[in-house]
Amino acid sequence: MSTGAAKSTLELFREIDARTWVPPQPLERMLETLEELPRGKKVVMLAPCEPRPLFRILKANGFDYRCRFVPEGYFEVTVWHAADTPAASADLE
């Protein structure tokens, strides 16, 4: 299943630490960052809660994501272009 073995992971474009921000600032900042996100890169946002409204927006605009709860008490949301999903899948675990 390796058609792009040379591109097996996505490079971090930006990390957004939104753990102390109040809505809608995390959503707004993520959307601004995604406007600049190059193909083959990812954005990681640290959030105090699961940003469910963001997920629908991501899917509607050609992005894919993974959200996981971090035991230290926050959520880590990783976002990338949906077309990069095979590379992102190799990078996530």
PDB file of N, CA and C in Angstrom:
ATOM      1  N   MET A   1       0.815  -1.198   0.000  1.00  0.00           N
ATOM      2  CA  MET A   1       0.000   0.000   0.000  1.00  0.00           C
ATOM      3  C   MET A   1       0.856   1.259   0.000  1.00  0.00           C
ATOM      4  N   SER A   2       2.003   1.200  -0.548  1.00  0.00           N
ATOM      5  CA  SER A   2       2.885   2.357  -0.508  1.00  0.00           C
ATOM      6  C   SER A   2       3.132   2.891  -1.908  1.00  0.00           C
ATOM      7  N   THR A   3       2.369   3.905  -2.284  1.00  0.00           N
ATOM      8  CA  THR A   3       2.593   4.531  -3.577  1.00  0.00           C
ATOM      9  C   THR A   3       3.509   5.734  -3.443  1.00  0.00           C
ATOM     10  N   GLY A   4       3.573   6.320  -2.260  1.00  0.00           N
ATOM     11  CA  GLY A   4       4.425   7.483  -2.033  1.00  0.00           C
ATOM     12  C   GLY A   4       5.313   7.256  -0.831  1.00  0.00           C
ATOM     13  N   ALA A   5       6.154   6.260  -0.882  1.00  0.00           N
ATOM     14  CA  ALA A   5       6.974   5.902   0.265  1.00  0.00           C
ATOM     15  C   ALA A   5       7.868   7.043   0.708  1.00  0.00           C
ATOM     16  N   ALA A   6       8.289   7.884  -0.228  1.00  0.00           N
ATOM     17  CA  ALA A   6       9.162   8.993   0.146  1.00  0.00           C
ATOM     18  C   ALA A   6       8.422  10.017   0.990  1.00  0.00           C
ATOM     19  N   LYS A   7       7.093  10.096   0.826  1.00  0.00           N
ATOM     20  CA  LYS A   7       6.308  11.066   1.584  1.00  0.00           C
ATOM     21  C   LYS A   7       5.425  10.316   2.578  1.00  0.00           C
ATOM     22  N   SER A   8       6.025   9.827   3.642  1.00  0.00           N
ATOM     23  CA  SER A   8       5.269   9.001   4.582  1.00  0.00           C
ATOM     24  C   SER A   8       4.758   9.786   5.781  1.00  0.00           C
ATOM     25  N   THR A   9       5.231  11.003   5.967  1.00  0.00           N
ATOM     26  CA  THR A   9       4.760  11.784   7.104  1.00  0.00           C
ATOM     27  C   THR A   9       4.530  13.236   6.691  1.00  0.00           C
ATOM     28  N   LEU A  10       3.744  13.902   7.480  1.00  0.00           N
ATOM     29  CA  LEU A  10       3.483  15.320   7.245  1.00  0.00           C
ATOM     30  C   LEU A  10       4.319  16.149   8.210  1.00  0.00           C
ATOM     31  N   GLU A  11       4.883  17.215   7.720  1.00  0.00           N
ATOM     32  CA  GLU A  11       5.684  18.118   8.537  1.00  0.00           C
ATOM     33  C   GLU A  11       4.759  19.105   9.261  1.00  0.00           C
ATOM     34  N   LEU A  12       5.118  19.439  10.474  1.00  0.00           N
ATOM     35  CA  LEU A  12       4.346  20.406  11.245  1.00  0.00           C
ATOM     36  C   LEU A  12       4.475  21.793  10.634  1.00  0.00           C
ATOM     37  N   PHE A  13       3.345  22.401  10.328  1.00  0.00           N
ATOM     38  CA  PHE A  13       3.320  23.768   9.804  1.00  0.00           C
ATOM     39  C   PHE A  13       3.223  24.757  10.962  1.00  0.00           C
ATOM     40  N   ARG A  14       2.293  24.490  11.883  1.00  0.00           N
ATOM     41  CA  ARG A  14       2.092  25.393  13.015  1.00  0.00           C
ATOM     42  C   ARG A  14       1.405  24.641  14.148  1.00  0.00           C
ATOM     43  N   GLU A  15       1.759  25.009  15.383  1.00  0.00           N
ATOM     44  CA  GLU A  15       1.040  24.517  16.562  1.00  0.00           C
ATOM     45  C   GLU A  15       0.315  25.704  17.178  1.00  0.00           C
ATOM     46  N   ILE A  16      -0.949  25.489  17.485  1.00  0.00           N
ATOM     47  CA  ILE A  16      -1.780  26.532  18.087  1.00  0.00           C
ATOM     48  C   ILE A  16      -2.136  26.076  19.499  1.00  0.00           C
ATOM     49  N   ASP A  17      -1.652  26.780  20.494  1.00  0.00           N
ATOM     50  CA  ASP A  17      -1.983  26.443  21.879  1.00  0.00           C
ATOM     51  C   ASP A  17      -3.160  27.313  22.318  1.00  0.00           C
ATOM     52  N   ALA A  18      -4.355  26.754  22.218  1.00  0.00           N
ATOM     53  CA  ALA A  18      -5.581  27.491  22.530  1.00  0.00           C
ATOM     54  C   ALA A  18      -6.172  27.084  23.874  1.00  0.00           C
ATOM     55  N   ARG A  19      -5.388  26.460  24.713  1.00  0.00           N
ATOM     56  CA  ARG A  19      -5.919  25.924  25.983  1.00  0.00           C
ATOM     57  C   ARG A  19      -6.471  26.990  26.910  1.00  0.00           C
ATOM     58  N   THR A  20      -6.017  28.222  26.800  1.00  0.00           N
ATOM     59  CA  THR A  20      -6.511  29.268  27.704  1.00  0.00           C
ATOM     60  C   THR A  20      -7.426  30.267  26.998  1.00  0.00           C
ATOM     61  N   TRP A  21      -7.726  30.034  25.731  1.00  0.00           N
ATOM     62  CA  TRP A  21      -8.559  30.949  24.959  1.00  0.00           C
ATOM     63  C   TRP A  21     -10.036  30.641  25.148  1.00  0.00           C
ATOM     64  N   VAL A  22     -10.856  31.649  24.934  1.00  0.00           N
ATOM     65  CA  VAL A  22     -12.313  31.456  25.002  1.00  0.00           C
ATOM     66  C   VAL A  22     -12.887  31.494  23.585  1.00  0.00           C
ATOM     67  N   PRO A  23     -13.961  30.745  23.358  1.00  0.00           N
ATOM     68  CA  PRO A  23     -14.599  30.754  22.034  1.00  0.00           C
ATOM     69  C   PRO A  23     -15.075  32.158  21.691  1.00  0.00           C
ATOM     70  N   PRO A  24     -15.032  32.509  20.439  1.00  0.00           N
ATOM     71  CA  PRO A  24     -14.696  31.696  19.258  1.00  0.00           C
ATOM     72  C   PRO A  24     -13.246  31.802  18.816  1.00  0.00           C
ATOM     73  N   GLN A  25     -12.375  32.325  19.667  1.00  0.00           N
ATOM     74  CA  GLN A  25     -10.988  32.560  19.269  1.00  0.00           C
ATOM     75  C   GLN A  25     -10.273  31.305  18.743  1.00  0.00           C
ATOM     76  N   PRO A  26     -10.391  30.134  19.382  1.00  0.00           N
ATOM     77  CA  PRO A  26      -9.694  28.956  18.829  1.00  0.00           C
ATOM     78  C   PRO A  26     -10.171  28.605  17.416  1.00  0.00           C
ATOM     79  N   LEU A  27     -11.459  28.633  17.188  1.00  0.00           N
ATOM     80  CA  LEU A  27     -12.014  28.332  15.865  1.00  0.00           C
ATOM     81  C   LEU A  27     -11.530  29.351  14.835  1.00  0.00           C
ATOM     82  N   GLU A  28     -11.617  30.606  15.164  1.00  0.00           N
ATOM     83  CA  GLU A  28     -11.184  31.657  14.243  1.00  0.00           C
ATOM     84  C   GLU A  28      -9.704  31.527  13.895  1.00  0.00           C
ATOM     85  N   ARG A  29      -8.881  31.298  14.903  1.00  0.00           N
ATOM     86  CA  ARG A  29      -7.431  31.186  14.663  1.00  0.00           C
ATOM     87  C   ARG A  29      -7.114  29.960  13.817  1.00  0.00           C
ATOM     88  N   MET A  30      -7.809  28.846  14.061  1.00  0.00           N
ATOM     89  CA  MET A  30      -7.581  27.648  13.253  1.00  0.00           C
ATOM     90  C   MET A  30      -7.959  27.908  11.798  1.00  0.00           C
ATOM     91  N   LEU A  31      -9.103  28.537  11.560  1.00  0.00           N
ATOM     92  CA  LEU A  31      -9.530  28.812  10.187  1.00  0.00           C
ATOM     93  C   LEU A  31      -8.562  29.751   9.472  1.00  0.00           C
ATOM     94  N   GLU A  32      -8.044  30.743  10.174  1.00  0.00           N
ATOM     95  CA  GLU A  32      -7.040  31.640   9.590  1.00  0.00           C
ATOM     96  C   GLU A  32      -5.773  30.866   9.213  1.00  0.00           C
ATOM     97  N   THR A  33      -5.360  29.983  10.082  1.00  0.00           N
ATOM     98  CA  THR A  33      -4.153  29.187   9.836  1.00  0.00           C
ATOM     99  C   THR A  33      -4.354  28.247   8.655  1.00  0.00           C
ATOM    100  N   LEU A  34      -5.533  27.659   8.538  1.00  0.00           N
ATOM    101  CA  LEU A  34      -5.797  26.728   7.442  1.00  0.00           C
ATOM    102  C   LEU A  34      -5.771  27.417   6.084  1.00  0.00           C
ATOM    103  N   GLU A  35      -6.058  28.705   6.042  1.00  0.00           N
ATOM    104  CA  GLU A  35      -5.969  29.447   4.784  1.00  0.00           C
ATOM    105  C   GLU A  35      -4.529  29.462   4.257  1.00  0.00           C
ATOM    106  N   GLU A  36      -3.565  29.336   5.153  1.00  0.00           N
ATOM    107  CA  GLU A  36      -2.146  29.384   4.791  1.00  0.00           C
ATOM    108  C   GLU A  36      -1.500  28.001   4.717  1.00  0.00           C
ATOM    109  N   LEU A  37      -2.217  26.954   5.109  1.00  0.00           N
ATOM    110  CA  LEU A  37      -1.632  25.614   5.239  1.00  0.00           C
ATOM    111  C   LEU A  37      -1.230  25.038   3.883  1.00  0.00           C
ATOM    112  N   PRO A  38       0.061  24.805   3.665  1.00  0.00           N
ATOM    113  CA  PRO A  38       0.498  24.191   2.414  1.00  0.00           C
ATOM    114  C   PRO A  38       0.172  22.692   2.394  1.00  0.00           C
ATOM    115  N   ARG A  39       0.037  22.148   1.199  1.00  0.00           N
ATOM    116  CA  ARG A  39      -0.138  20.697   1.057  1.00  0.00           C
ATOM    117  C   ARG A  39       1.088  20.007   1.642  1.00  0.00           C
ATOM    118  N   GLY A  40       0.869  18.849   2.253  1.00  0.00           N
ATOM    119  CA  GLY A  40       1.970  18.094   2.832  1.00  0.00           C
ATOM    120  C   GLY A  40       2.359  18.532   4.226  1.00  0.00           C
ATOM    121  N   LYS A  41       1.618  19.460   4.799  1.00  0.00           N
ATOM    122  CA  LYS A  41       1.904  19.952   6.159  1.00  0.00           C
ATOM    123  C   LYS A  41       0.657  19.754   7.024  1.00  0.00           C
ATOM    124  N   LYS A  42       0.843  19.877   8.331  1.00  0.00           N
ATOM    125  CA  LYS A  42      -0.262  19.729   9.271  1.00  0.00           C
ATOM    126  C   LYS A  42      -0.241  20.844  10.297  1.00  0.00           C
ATOM    127  N   VAL A  43      -1.405  21.068  10.906  1.00  0.00           N
ATOM    128  CA  VAL A  43      -1.561  22.016  12.001  1.00  0.00           C
ATOM    129  C   VAL A  43      -2.015  21.215  13.214  1.00  0.00           C
ATOM    130  N   VAL A  44      -1.443  21.509  14.365  1.00  0.00           N
ATOM    131  CA  VAL A  44      -1.851  20.874  15.613  1.00  0.00           C
ATOM    132  C   VAL A  44      -2.372  21.957  16.541  1.00  0.00           C
ATOM    133  N   MET A  45      -3.601  21.765  17.024  1.00  0.00           N
ATOM    134  CA  MET A  45      -4.182  22.705  17.974  1.00  0.00           C
ATOM    135  C   MET A  45      -4.415  21.990  19.299  1.00  0.00           C
ATOM    136  N   LEU A  46      -3.992  22.631  20.375  1.00  0.00           N
ATOM    137  CA  LEU A  46      -4.253  22.150  21.731  1.00  0.00           C
ATOM    138  C   LEU A  46      -5.438  22.949  22.250  1.00  0.00           C
ATOM    139  N   ALA A  47      -6.500  22.243  22.632  1.00  0.00           N
ATOM    140  CA  ALA A  47      -7.746  22.914  23.006  1.00  0.00           C
ATOM    141  C   ALA A  47      -8.256  22.414  24.353  1.00  0.00           C
ATOM    142  N   PRO A  48      -8.927  23.287  25.113  1.00  0.00           N
ATOM    143  CA  PRO A  48      -9.442  22.887  26.424  1.00  0.00           C
ATOM    144  C   PRO A  48     -10.671  21.978  26.327  1.00  0.00           C
ATOM    145  N   CYS A  49     -11.344  21.975  25.164  1.00  0.00           N
ATOM    146  CA  CYS A  49     -12.514  21.127  24.957  1.00  0.00           C
ATOM    147  C   CYS A  49     -12.499  20.618  23.524  1.00  0.00           C
ATOM    148  N   GLU A  50     -13.324  19.623  23.260  1.00  0.00           N
ATOM    149  CA  GLU A  50     -13.402  19.074  21.910  1.00  0.00           C
ATOM    150  C   GLU A  50     -14.111  20.080  21.003  1.00  0.00           C
ATOM    151  N   PRO A  51     -13.440  20.579  19.966  1.00  0.00           N
ATOM    152  CA  PRO A  51     -14.022  21.637  19.124  1.00  0.00           C
ATOM    153  C   PRO A  51     -14.953  21.080  18.032  1.00  0.00           C
ATOM    154  N   ARG A  52     -16.079  20.515  18.443  1.00  0.00           N
ATOM    155  CA  ARG A  52     -17.004  19.859  17.504  1.00  0.00           C
ATOM    156  C   ARG A  52     -17.465  20.751  16.349  1.00  0.00           C
ATOM    157  N   PRO A  53     -17.762  22.039  16.553  1.00  0.00           N
ATOM    158  CA  PRO A  53     -18.170  22.860  15.403  1.00  0.00           C
ATOM    159  C   PRO A  53     -17.096  22.917  14.309  1.00  0.00           C
ATOM    160  N   LEU A  54     -15.850  22.818  14.701  1.00  0.00           N
ATOM    161  CA  LEU A  54     -14.752  22.850  13.742  1.00  0.00           C
ATOM    162  C   LEU A  54     -14.785  21.649  12.802  1.00  0.00           C
ATOM    163  N   PHE A  55     -15.159  20.485  13.294  1.00  0.00           N
ATOM    164  CA  PHE A  55     -15.081  19.258  12.503  1.00  0.00           C
ATOM    165  C   PHE A  55     -15.936  19.325  11.242  1.00  0.00           C
ATOM    166  N   ARG A  56     -17.132  19.822  11.346  1.00  0.00           N
ATOM    167  CA  ARG A  56     -18.026  19.948  10.193  1.00  0.00           C
ATOM    168  C   ARG A  56     -17.436  20.923   9.163  1.00  0.00           C
ATOM    169  N   ILE A  57     -16.868  22.011   9.630  1.00  0.00           N
ATOM    170  CA  ILE A  57     -16.247  23.006   8.751  1.00  0.00           C
ATOM    171  C   ILE A  57     -15.054  22.384   8.018  1.00  0.00           C
ATOM    172  N   LEU A  58     -14.259  21.604   8.741  1.00  0.00           N
ATOM    173  CA  LEU A  58     -13.093  20.967   8.124  1.00  0.00           C
ATOM    174  C   LEU A  58     -13.506  20.052   6.981  1.00  0.00           C
ATOM    175  N   LYS A  59     -14.463  19.171   7.242  1.00  0.00           N
ATOM    176  CA  LYS A  59     -14.914  18.212   6.225  1.00  0.00           C
ATOM    177  C   LYS A  59     -15.487  18.937   5.008  1.00  0.00           C
ATOM    178  N   ALA A  60     -16.242  19.996   5.231  1.00  0.00           N
ATOM    179  CA  ALA A  60     -16.868  20.738   4.131  1.00  0.00           C
ATOM    180  C   ALA A  60     -15.846  21.498   3.278  1.00  0.00           C
ATOM    181  N   ASN A  61     -14.637  21.695   3.813  1.00  0.00           N
ATOM    182  CA  ASN A  61     -13.635  22.493   3.106  1.00  0.00           C
ATOM    183  C   ASN A  61     -12.401  21.698   2.686  1.00  0.00           C
ATOM    184  N   GLY A  62     -12.526  20.367   2.650  1.00  0.00           N
ATOM    185  CA  GLY A  62     -11.444  19.552   2.111  1.00  0.00           C
ATOM    186  C   GLY A  62     -10.306  19.245   3.059  1.00  0.00           C
ATOM    187  N   PHE A  63     -10.588  19.245   4.352  1.00  0.00           N
ATOM    188  CA  PHE A  63      -9.569  18.892   5.339  1.00  0.00           C
ATOM    189  C   PHE A  63      -9.970  17.611   6.051  1.00  0.00           C
ATOM    190  N   ASP A  64      -8.993  16.948   6.613  1.00  0.00           N
ATOM    191  CA  ASP A  64      -9.228  15.785   7.450  1.00  0.00           C
ATOM    192  C   ASP A  64      -8.593  16.085   8.798  1.00  0.00           C
ATOM    193  N   TYR A  65      -8.950  15.327   9.806  1.00  0.00           N
ATOM    194  CA  TYR A  65      -8.450  15.633  11.148  1.00  0.00           C
ATOM    195  C   TYR A  65      -8.436  14.391  12.026  1.00  0.00           C
ATOM    196  N   ARG A  66      -7.728  14.521  13.112  1.00  0.00           N
ATOM    197  CA  ARG A  66      -7.767  13.546  14.198  1.00  0.00           C
ATOM    198  C   ARG A  66      -7.847  14.338  15.480  1.00  0.00           C
ATOM    199  N   CYS A  67      -8.735  13.929  16.366  1.00  0.00           N
ATOM    200  CA  CYS A  67      -8.869  14.583  17.668  1.00  0.00           C
ATOM    201  C   CYS A  67      -8.684  13.516  18.731  1.00  0.00           C
ATOM    202  N   ARG A  68      -7.826  13.810  19.684  1.00  0.00           N
ATOM    203  CA  ARG A  68      -7.632  12.855  20.786  1.00  0.00           C
ATOM    204  C   ARG A  68      -7.522  13.608  22.103  1.00  0.00           C
ATOM    205  N   PHE A  69      -8.012  12.965  23.156  1.00  0.00           N
ATOM    206  CA  PHE A  69      -7.917  13.532  24.491  1.00  0.00           C
ATOM    207  C   PHE A  69      -6.554  13.187  25.063  1.00  0.00           C
ATOM    208  N   VAL A  70      -5.872  14.191  25.581  1.00  0.00           N
ATOM    209  CA  VAL A  70      -4.563  14.012  26.203  1.00  0.00           C
ATOM    210  C   VAL A  70      -4.795  13.912  27.711  1.00  0.00           C
ATOM    211  N   PRO A  71      -4.231  12.897  28.376  1.00  0.00           N
ATOM    212  CA  PRO A  71      -4.478  12.694  29.807  1.00  0.00           C
ATOM    213  C   PRO A  71      -4.194  13.909  30.696  1.00  0.00           C
ATOM    214  N   GLU A  72      -3.372  14.833  30.238  1.00  0.00           N
ATOM    215  CA  GLU A  72      -3.098  16.039  31.028  1.00  0.00           C
ATOM    216  C   GLU A  72      -4.290  16.984  31.067  1.00  0.00           C
ATOM    217  N   GLY A  73      -5.365  16.660  30.321  1.00  0.00           N
ATOM    218  CA  GLY A  73      -6.604  17.413  30.449  1.00  0.00           C
ATOM    219  C   GLY A  73      -6.972  18.321  29.292  1.00  0.00           C
ATOM    220  N   TYR A  74      -6.480  18.057  28.104  1.00  0.00           N
ATOM    221  CA  TYR A  74      -6.848  18.870  26.946  1.00  0.00           C
ATOM    222  C   TYR A  74      -6.969  17.976  25.717  1.00  0.00           C
ATOM    223  N   PHE A  75      -7.463  18.557  24.621  1.00  0.00           N
ATOM    224  CA  PHE A  75      -7.600  17.837  23.361  1.00  0.00           C
ATOM    225  C   PHE A  75      -6.517  18.288  22.397  1.00  0.00           C
ATOM    226  N   GLU A  76      -6.019  17.340  21.619  1.00  0.00           N
ATOM    227  CA  GLU A  76      -5.052  17.627  20.575  1.00  0.00           C
ATOM    228  C   GLU A  76      -5.734  17.351  19.238  1.00  0.00           C
ATOM    229  N   VAL A  77      -5.877  18.390  18.439  1.00  0.00           N
ATOM    230  CA  VAL A  77      -6.536  18.277  17.138  1.00  0.00           C
ATOM    231  C   VAL A  77      -5.485  18.480  16.059  1.00  0.00           C
ATOM    232  N   THR A  78      -5.302  17.462  15.229  1.00  0.00           N
ATOM    233  CA  THR A  78      -4.350  17.527  14.124  1.00  0.00           C
ATOM    234  C   THR A  78      -5.153  17.634  12.835  1.00  0.00           C
ATOM    235  N   VAL A  79      -4.808  18.602  11.988  1.00  0.00           N
ATOM    236  CA  VAL A  79      -5.564  18.881  10.766  1.00  0.00           C
ATOM    237  C   VAL A  79      -4.614  18.913   9.576  1.00  0.00           C
ATOM    238  N   TRP A  80      -5.070  18.352   8.443  1.00  0.00           N
ATOM    239  CA  TRP A  80      -4.303  18.334   7.214  1.00  0.00           C
ATOM    240  C   TRP A  80      -5.259  18.324   6.026  1.00  0.00           C
ATOM    241  N   HIS A  81      -4.746  18.592   4.847  1.00  0.00           N
ATOM    242  CA  HIS A  81      -5.558  18.521   3.632  1.00  0.00           C
ATOM    243  C   HIS A  81      -5.993  17.072   3.427  1.00  0.00           C
ATOM    244  N   ALA A  82      -7.263  16.849   3.105  1.00  0.00           N
ATOM    245  CA  ALA A  82      -7.785  15.496   2.924  1.00  0.00           C
ATOM    246  C   ALA A  82      -7.002  14.728   1.857  1.00  0.00           C
ATOM    247  N   ALA A  83      -6.507  15.420   0.848  1.00  0.00           N
ATOM    248  CA  ALA A  83      -5.725  14.757  -0.202  1.00  0.00           C
ATOM    249  C   ALA A  83      -4.425  14.182   0.345  1.00  0.00           C
ATOM    250  N   ASP A  84      -3.971  14.630   1.509  1.00  0.00           N
ATOM    251  CA  ASP A  84      -2.746  14.133   2.143  1.00  0.00           C
ATOM    252  C   ASP A  84      -3.024  13.008   3.127  1.00  0.00           C
ATOM    253  N   THR A  85      -4.230  12.470   3.154  1.00  0.00           N
ATOM    254  CA  THR A  85      -4.612  11.487   4.163  1.00  0.00           C
ATOM    255  C   THR A  85      -3.703  10.268   4.229  1.00  0.00           C
ATOM    256  N   PRO A  86      -3.258   9.649   3.124  1.00  0.00           N
ATOM    257  CA  PRO A  86      -2.337   8.503   3.268  1.00  0.00           C
ATOM    258  C   PRO A  86      -1.058   8.866   4.021  1.00  0.00           C
ATOM    259  N   ALA A  87      -0.498  10.022   3.724  1.00  0.00           N
ATOM    260  CA  ALA A  87       0.716  10.452   4.434  1.00  0.00           C
ATOM    261  C   ALA A  87       0.412  10.747   5.898  1.00  0.00           C
ATOM    262  N   ALA A  88      -0.741  11.368   6.147  1.00  0.00           N
ATOM    263  CA  ALA A  88      -1.109  11.708   7.525  1.00  0.00           C
ATOM    264  C   ALA A  88      -1.335  10.449   8.344  1.00  0.00           C
ATOM    265  N   SER A  89      -1.951   9.445   7.752  1.00  0.00           N
ATOM    266  CA  SER A  89      -2.209   8.201   8.468  1.00  0.00           C
ATOM    267  C   SER A  89      -0.919   7.554   8.943  1.00  0.00           C
ATOM    268  N   ALA A  90       0.115   7.623   8.119  1.00  0.00           N
ATOM    269  CA  ALA A  90       1.407   7.058   8.509  1.00  0.00           C
ATOM    270  C   ALA A  90       2.028   7.865   9.637  1.00  0.00           C
ATOM    271  N   ASP A  91       1.688   9.143   9.712  1.00  0.00           N
ATOM    272  CA  ASP A  91       2.300  10.044  10.677  1.00  0.00           C
ATOM    273  C   ASP A  91       1.607  10.044  12.039  1.00  0.00           C
ATOM    274  N   LEU A  92       0.368   9.579  12.113  1.00  0.00           N
ATOM    275  CA  LEU A  92      -0.401   9.749  13.336  1.00  0.00           C
ATOM    276  C   LEU A  92      -0.157   8.716  14.412  1.00  0.00           C
ATOM    277  N   GLU A  93       0.288   7.559  14.063  1.00  0.00           N
ATOM    278  CA  GLU A  93       0.518   6.556  15.106  1.00  0.00           C
ATOM    279  C   GLU A  93       1.911   6.001  15.027  1.00  0.00           C
TER     280      GLU A  93
END
